[in-house]
Amino acid sequence: MPLVPGGIYQHYKGPRYRVLGVVRHSETLEELVHYECLYTNPNGQFWVRPRAMFEGTVTLDGKPTPRFALVAAEA
């Protein structure tokens, strides 16, 4: 499933985030997802993560689970 800019994603641990867009690392050109916490995070509101990691899976109870799952596409 393609990444949805403006979409609300839920992390497998529970918190929700809004994807602001895809950006590139200035040296490596690696695609990074720029996203915003939708909760109060004392470490910061805006984050980036490699796109492959954002769209990847983790193993929970022996089953592959999306690290971030789309829960709403913003209008």
Protein backbone atom coordinates (compact mmCIF):
# COMPACT_ATOMS: atom_id res chain seq x y z
CA MET A 1 0.00 0.00 0.00
CA PRO A 2 1.45 3.41 -0.93
CA LEU A 3 2.29 5.89 1.79
CA VAL A 4 -0.50 8.47 2.30
CA PRO A 5 0.74 12.03 2.98
CA GLY A 6 -1.60 13.56 5.56
CA GLY A 7 -2.68 10.07 6.62
CA ILE A 8 -2.98 9.08 10.26
CA TYR A 9 -0.92 6.03 11.14
CA GLN A 10 -0.93 3.97 14.32
CA HIS A 11 2.37 2.60 15.60
CA TYR A 12 2.24 -1.04 16.65
CA LYS A 13 2.78 0.11 20.27
CA GLY A 14 -0.32 2.34 20.10
CA PRO A 15 0.49 6.03 19.52
CA ARG A 16 -0.80 7.80 16.41
CA TYR A 17 1.10 9.98 13.98
CA ARG A 18 0.35 12.15 10.94
CA VAL A 19 2.59 11.64 7.91
CA LEU A 20 3.68 15.02 6.56
CA GLY A 21 5.50 13.68 3.54
CA VAL A 22 8.51 11.88 2.15
CA VAL A 23 11.84 13.71 2.18
CA ARG A 24 15.35 12.75 1.09
CA HIS A 25 18.61 12.67 2.98
CA SER A 26 20.85 15.36 1.45
CA GLU A 27 23.93 13.13 1.21
CA THR A 28 22.59 9.63 0.51
CA LEU A 29 19.25 10.52 -1.15
CA GLU A 30 17.63 7.88 1.05
CA GLU A 31 13.87 8.39 1.35
CA LEU A 32 12.73 9.33 4.85
CA VAL A 33 9.20 9.68 6.18
CA HIS A 34 8.58 13.01 7.94
CA TYR A 35 5.85 12.60 10.53
CA GLU A 36 4.23 14.37 13.49
CA CYS A 37 3.29 12.99 16.91
CA LEU A 38 -0.43 13.35 17.66
CA TYR A 39 0.26 13.21 21.39
CA THR A 40 2.48 15.16 23.75
CA ASN A 41 5.97 13.77 23.37
CA PRO A 42 8.60 15.38 25.62
CA ASN A 43 11.31 14.40 23.09
CA GLY A 44 9.78 16.37 20.22
CA GLN A 45 6.81 16.68 17.90
CA PHE A 46 8.37 16.08 14.46
CA TRP A 47 10.36 13.02 13.43
CA VAL A 48 11.90 11.28 10.43
CA ARG A 49 12.49 7.59 9.87
CA PRO A 50 13.80 5.67 6.86
CA ARG A 51 10.86 4.89 4.60
CA ALA A 52 11.77 1.20 4.48
CA MET A 53 11.61 1.05 8.27
CA PHE A 54 8.36 3.06 8.47
CA GLU A 55 6.69 0.74 5.96
CA GLY A 56 8.30 -2.38 7.41
CA THR A 57 7.02 -4.99 9.82
CA VAL A 58 7.85 -6.20 13.29
CA THR A 59 7.17 -9.65 14.71
CA LEU A 60 4.55 -9.80 17.47
CA ASP A 61 3.50 -13.14 18.93
CA GLY A 62 5.24 -14.83 16.02
CA LYS A 63 3.27 -12.87 13.38
CA PRO A 64 4.50 -10.09 11.08
CA THR A 65 2.76 -6.83 12.02
CA PRO A 66 3.07 -3.44 10.29
CA ARG A 67 5.27 -1.05 12.27
CA PHE A 68 2.82 1.72 11.25
CA ALA A 69 -0.70 1.01 9.99
CA LEU A 70 -2.86 3.53 8.15
CA VAL A 71 -6.02 4.23 10.20
CA ALA A 72 -7.37 7.34 8.42
CA ALA A 73 -6.64 9.24 5.24
CA GLU A 74 -7.03 12.96 5.87
CA ALA A 75 -9.14 14.94 3.47
